[in-house]
Amino acid sequence: MRNALGGVQSVLTLGATSDIARATGLALTRTGARHFVLAARDTDAAERAAAELHAAGATTRVQTFEAEDVASHERLLDEAFATGDIDLVLLAFGVLCDQEQALRDPAVAVHTATVNYVAAVSLLVGVAQRLRHQGHGTIVVLSSVAGQRARKSNFVYGSSKAGLDAFAQGLGDALAPEGVRVLVVRPGFVHTRMTAGMPPAPLSTTPDRVADAIVLALAHGTETVWVPRPLRLVMAVLCHLPRAVFRRLPI
């Protein structure tokens, strides 16, 4: 349950080894979070993330998590919720594919869609059922500005995030009357291991800034957050450009 000040105490992180997930976990400890379930494919890396949280005063439990193994998701969630209520679930996993490779190899495109959308849907439905049963809880979904309008340079990734974003918004609307919140987070280019070696886009940001934006949004009851905030205006313009004009942009 949340503490006396309304702060999150227990957290389940799906994709716990991502740079944003690690930064968000540490940011949440500064607002009172004390119990974490860290679900990740790389359990060694998850143990390192757990050590960081231990140093910040939290208790942790690491679980093996394979996004594409949809059949294992119910068992994963059963184990995560077995020891008590969870206040916040952070969906932080995803893959960023090479666009040209995805256009040559259907398996790459399917892998991207499966991890970023299909697996996310599977887990979000399962999480929603459990939070409804609790009667409280918050889901934080890491979307992307890439999902606001698919660009020719990364439409495979962008389309997968567009599906996730739309699903998360609809889920939030459906759960609102039942005391469960969904926060959709739309970062731009974030300097992480996943984007290492890529030329940074304008208005790029860091995992720590994304984490701070999440914590602030949770405190204010926000449903959608852009990181950094000016991206909201940029994407509003891009989303309303005529397609013939948008197609000619070098993006």
Protein backbone atom coordinates (compact mmCIF):
# COMPACT_ATOMS: atom_id res chain seq x y z
CA MET A 1 0.00 0.00 0.00
CA ARG A 2 1.01 3.63 -0.43
CA ASN A 3 2.50 5.34 2.61
CA ALA A 4 0.73 7.92 4.79
CA LEU A 5 1.73 10.69 2.39
CA GLY A 6 0.38 8.85 -0.63
CA GLY A 7 3.79 7.82 -1.91
CA VAL A 8 4.47 4.56 -3.73
CA GLN A 9 6.01 1.86 -1.53
CA SER A 10 6.00 -1.31 -3.66
CA VAL A 11 7.08 -1.47 -7.31
CA LEU A 12 7.17 -4.12 -10.03
CA THR A 13 9.51 -3.24 -12.87
CA LEU A 14 9.17 -5.17 -16.13
CA GLY A 15 12.44 -4.65 -17.97
CA ALA A 16 14.34 -3.73 -14.83
CA THR A 17 17.78 -3.50 -16.45
CA SER A 18 16.99 -0.64 -18.81
CA ASP A 19 18.73 2.63 -18.01
CA ILE A 20 15.42 4.44 -17.59
CA ALA A 21 14.06 1.71 -15.30
CA ARG A 22 17.13 1.86 -13.08
CA ALA A 23 17.01 5.64 -12.85
CA THR A 24 13.29 5.57 -12.11
CA GLY A 25 13.71 2.99 -9.37
CA LEU A 26 16.30 5.13 -7.60
CA ALA A 27 14.13 8.23 -8.03
CA LEU A 28 11.19 6.39 -6.46
CA THR A 29 13.27 5.42 -3.42
CA ARG A 30 13.74 9.12 -2.77
CA THR A 31 9.95 9.48 -2.49
CA GLY A 32 9.46 6.49 -0.18
CA ALA A 33 9.47 3.34 -2.32
CA ARG A 34 10.95 0.48 -0.30
CA HIS A 35 10.02 -2.82 -1.97
CA PHE A 36 10.91 -3.73 -5.56
CA VAL A 37 10.32 -6.75 -7.76
CA LEU A 38 12.80 -6.56 -10.64
CA ALA A 39 11.83 -8.65 -13.67
CA ALA A 40 14.42 -8.91 -16.40
CA ARG A 41 15.88 -11.22 -19.02
CA ASP A 42 19.44 -10.62 -17.78
CA THR A 43 19.23 -11.56 -14.12
CA ASP A 44 22.90 -10.72 -13.50
CA ALA A 45 22.25 -7.15 -14.61
CA ALA A 46 19.06 -7.15 -12.55
CA GLU A 47 21.07 -8.14 -9.48
CA ARG A 48 23.32 -5.14 -10.09
CA ALA A 49 20.25 -2.91 -10.27
CA ALA A 50 19.04 -4.55 -7.05
CA ALA A 51 22.32 -3.69 -5.35
CA GLU A 52 21.80 -0.02 -6.24
CA LEU A 53 18.34 -0.12 -4.68
CA HIS A 54 19.65 -1.91 -1.59
CA ALA A 55 22.17 0.90 -1.15
CA ALA A 56 19.25 3.34 -1.28
CA GLY A 57 17.47 1.46 1.53
CA ALA A 58 15.10 -0.77 -0.45
CA THR A 59 14.42 -4.50 -0.42
CA THR A 60 14.36 -6.34 -3.74
CA ARG A 61 13.44 -9.58 -5.42
CA VAL A 62 14.68 -10.55 -8.89
CA GLN A 63 12.59 -12.60 -11.33
CA THR A 64 13.44 -13.97 -14.74
CA PHE A 65 11.41 -12.32 -17.47
CA GLU A 66 11.27 -13.11 -21.18
CA ALA A 67 9.03 -10.70 -23.08
CA GLU A 68 8.45 -12.92 -26.12
CA ASP A 69 7.44 -15.91 -23.96
CA VAL A 70 3.86 -14.73 -23.62
CA ALA A 71 2.79 -18.05 -22.11
CA SER A 72 5.01 -17.36 -19.09
CA HIS A 73 3.53 -13.96 -18.27
CA GLU A 74 0.73 -15.16 -16.00
CA ARG A 75 3.17 -17.15 -13.88
CA LEU A 76 5.52 -14.17 -13.72
CA LEU A 77 2.75 -11.89 -12.48
CA ASP A 78 1.41 -14.47 -10.03
CA GLU A 79 4.86 -14.66 -8.43
CA ALA A 80 5.32 -10.89 -8.44
CA PHE A 81 2.01 -10.26 -6.66
CA ALA A 82 2.26 -13.29 -4.36
CA THR A 83 3.75 -11.43 -1.40
CA GLY A 84 1.27 -8.55 -1.30
CA ASP A 85 -0.12 -5.52 -3.08
CA ILE A 86 1.96 -3.66 -5.62
CA ASP A 87 1.46 0.09 -5.82
CA LEU A 88 3.15 0.74 -9.15
CA VAL A 89 4.04 -1.33 -12.20
CA LEU A 90 6.63 0.13 -14.56
CA LEU A 91 6.61 -1.28 -18.09
CA ALA A 92 10.11 -0.41 -19.28
CA PHE A 93 11.16 -3.11 -21.74
CA GLY A 94 11.48 -2.74 -25.50
CA VAL A 95 13.76 -3.11 -28.50
CA LEU A 96 15.00 -0.61 -31.05
CA CYS A 97 15.53 -2.35 -34.38
CA ASP A 98 17.65 -1.42 -37.36
CA GLN A 99 15.14 -0.13 -39.90
CA GLU A 100 17.00 -1.34 -42.99
CA GLN A 101 17.53 -4.78 -41.49
CA ALA A 102 13.84 -4.97 -40.57
CA LEU A 103 12.91 -4.20 -44.19
CA ARG A 104 15.13 -7.04 -45.43
CA ASP A 105 14.27 -9.61 -42.77
CA PRO A 106 10.64 -10.07 -41.71
CA ALA A 107 11.79 -11.83 -38.54
CA VAL A 108 13.40 -8.60 -37.29
CA ALA A 109 10.22 -6.61 -37.86
CA VAL A 110 8.09 -9.31 -36.21
CA HIS A 111 10.47 -9.47 -33.23
CA THR A 112 10.16 -5.70 -32.76
CA ALA A 113 6.37 -5.81 -32.95
CA THR A 114 6.18 -8.80 -30.62
CA VAL A 115 8.36 -7.33 -27.88
CA ASN A 116 7.18 -3.73 -28.07
CA TYR A 117 3.47 -4.37 -28.59
CA VAL A 118 2.25 -7.97 -28.28
CA ALA A 119 4.21 -8.75 -25.11
CA ALA A 120 3.25 -5.39 -23.62
CA VAL A 121 -0.44 -6.04 -24.27
CA SER A 122 -0.19 -9.46 -22.65
CA LEU A 123 1.40 -8.05 -19.51
CA LEU A 124 -0.76 -4.94 -19.30
CA VAL A 125 -3.94 -7.00 -19.36
CA GLY A 126 -2.59 -9.27 -16.64
CA VAL A 127 -1.40 -6.37 -14.52
CA ALA A 128 -4.72 -4.55 -14.94
CA GLN A 129 -6.64 -7.57 -13.66
CA ARG A 130 -4.53 -7.73 -10.53
CA LEU A 131 -4.65 -4.00 -9.79
CA ARG A 132 -8.43 -4.03 -10.25
CA HIS A 133 -8.61 -6.85 -7.72
CA GLN A 134 -6.48 -4.77 -5.32
CA GLY A 135 -8.66 -1.74 -5.92
CA HIS A 136 -5.70 0.56 -6.39
CA GLY A 137 -2.42 0.94 -8.26
CA THR A 138 -0.64 2.79 -11.04
CA ILE A 139 0.81 1.53 -14.31
CA VAL A 140 3.60 3.54 -15.91
CA VAL A 141 4.11 2.77 -19.60
CA LEU A 142 7.25 3.90 -21.40
CA SER A 143 6.02 4.86 -24.84
CA SER A 144 7.91 7.15 -27.26
CA VAL A 145 7.40 10.24 -29.38
CA ALA A 146 8.26 7.90 -32.27
CA GLY A 147 4.76 6.48 -31.88
CA GLN A 148 3.00 9.80 -32.42
CA ARG A 149 3.52 9.73 -36.19
CA ALA A 150 5.49 7.00 -37.88
CA ARG A 151 8.51 8.41 -39.72
CA LYS A 152 10.02 6.76 -42.79
CA SER A 153 13.36 6.41 -41.02
CA ASN A 154 12.01 4.26 -38.15
CA PHE A 155 8.41 3.32 -38.86
CA VAL A 156 8.88 -0.31 -37.77
CA TYR A 157 9.81 0.77 -34.26
CA GLY A 158 7.45 3.76 -34.37
CA SER A 159 4.44 1.68 -35.34
CA SER A 160 5.07 -0.72 -32.46
CA LYS A 161 5.17 2.19 -30.03
CA ALA A 162 2.07 3.72 -31.63
CA GLY A 163 0.17 0.52 -30.87
CA LEU A 164 1.47 0.45 -27.30
CA ASP A 165 0.61 4.10 -26.75
CA ALA A 166 -2.94 3.70 -28.03
CA PHE A 167 -3.50 0.57 -25.96
CA ALA A 168 -2.17 2.23 -22.81
CA GLN A 169 -4.40 5.27 -23.27
CA GLY A 170 -7.49 3.13 -23.78
CA LEU A 171 -6.57 0.97 -20.81
CA GLY A 172 -6.22 4.07 -18.66
CA ASP A 173 -9.68 5.26 -19.65
CA ALA A 174 -11.17 1.84 -18.91
CA LEU A 175 -9.50 1.54 -15.49
CA ALA A 176 -10.03 5.10 -14.24
CA PRO A 177 -13.43 4.37 -12.61
CA GLU A 178 -11.88 1.47 -10.69
CA GLY A 179 -9.14 3.39 -8.92
CA VAL A 180 -6.30 2.31 -11.20
CA ARG A 181 -4.23 4.94 -13.03
CA VAL A 182 -2.19 4.63 -16.21
CA LEU A 183 0.63 7.11 -16.90
CA VAL A 184 1.90 7.19 -20.49
CA VAL A 185 5.46 8.51 -20.80
CA ARG A 186 6.65 9.79 -24.19
CA PRO A 187 10.38 10.46 -24.19
CA GLY A 188 12.26 11.69 -27.22
CA PHE A 189 15.83 10.57 -27.88
CA VAL A 190 17.30 9.32 -24.59
CA HIS A 191 21.04 8.81 -24.10
CA THR A 192 21.12 5.14 -23.07
CA ARG A 193 22.96 1.95 -23.92
CA MET A 194 20.24 1.23 -26.50
CA THR A 195 20.95 4.46 -28.39
CA ALA A 196 24.74 4.40 -27.96
CA GLY A 197 26.50 5.28 -31.21
CA MET A 198 23.43 6.91 -32.74
CA PRO A 199 23.49 10.63 -33.57
CA PRO A 200 21.38 12.41 -30.93
CA ALA A 201 18.19 14.07 -32.06
CA PRO A 202 17.23 17.62 -31.07
CA LEU A 203 15.78 17.91 -27.56
CA SER A 204 17.53 14.72 -26.47
CA THR A 205 17.41 13.83 -22.80
CA THR A 206 18.81 11.46 -20.15
CA PRO A 207 17.42 8.57 -18.07
CA ASP A 208 17.61 10.68 -14.92
CA ARG A 209 15.49 13.42 -16.47
CA VAL A 210 12.92 10.88 -17.63
CA ALA A 211 12.85 9.43 -14.12
CA ASP A 212 12.36 12.85 -12.55
CA ALA A 213 9.50 13.57 -14.99
CA ILE A 214 7.83 10.29 -14.03
CA VAL A 215 8.05 11.01 -10.31
CA LEU A 216 6.67 14.52 -10.82
CA ALA A 217 3.82 13.21 -12.98
CA LEU A 218 2.92 10.61 -10.35
CA ALA A 219 2.77 13.31 -7.68
CA HIS A 220 0.51 15.52 -9.79
CA GLY A 221 -1.80 12.79 -11.09
CA THR A 222 -0.77 13.42 -14.70
CA GLU A 223 -1.88 10.91 -17.33
CA THR A 224 0.58 11.76 -20.11
CA VAL A 225 4.06 13.23 -19.87
CA TRP A 226 6.47 14.32 -22.62
CA VAL A 227 10.21 14.35 -21.94
CA PRO A 228 11.35 17.01 -22.45
CA ARG A 229 8.11 19.00 -22.35
CA PRO A 230 8.72 21.06 -25.56
CA LEU A 231 8.37 17.83 -27.57
CA ARG A 232 4.63 18.08 -27.05
CA LEU A 233 4.50 21.21 -29.19
CA VAL A 234 6.94 19.84 -31.76
CA MET A 235 4.92 16.68 -32.26
CA ALA A 236 1.65 18.62 -32.38
CA VAL A 237 3.02 20.44 -35.41
CA LEU A 238 4.46 17.32 -37.05
CA CYS A 239 1.29 15.32 -36.54
CA HIS A 240 -0.77 17.90 -38.42
CA LEU A 241 1.50 18.37 -41.42
CA PRO A 242 0.05 17.19 -44.74
CA ARG A 243 1.45 13.79 -45.60
CA ALA A 244 3.09 15.07 -48.81
CA VAL A 245 4.99 17.64 -46.74
CA PHE A 246 5.81 15.26 -43.91
CA ARG A 247 7.21 12.72 -46.38
CA ARG A 248 9.81 15.19 -47.61
CA LEU A 249 11.21 15.96 -44.16
CA PRO A 250 14.68 14.51 -43.45
CA ILE A 251 13.48 12.57 -40.41
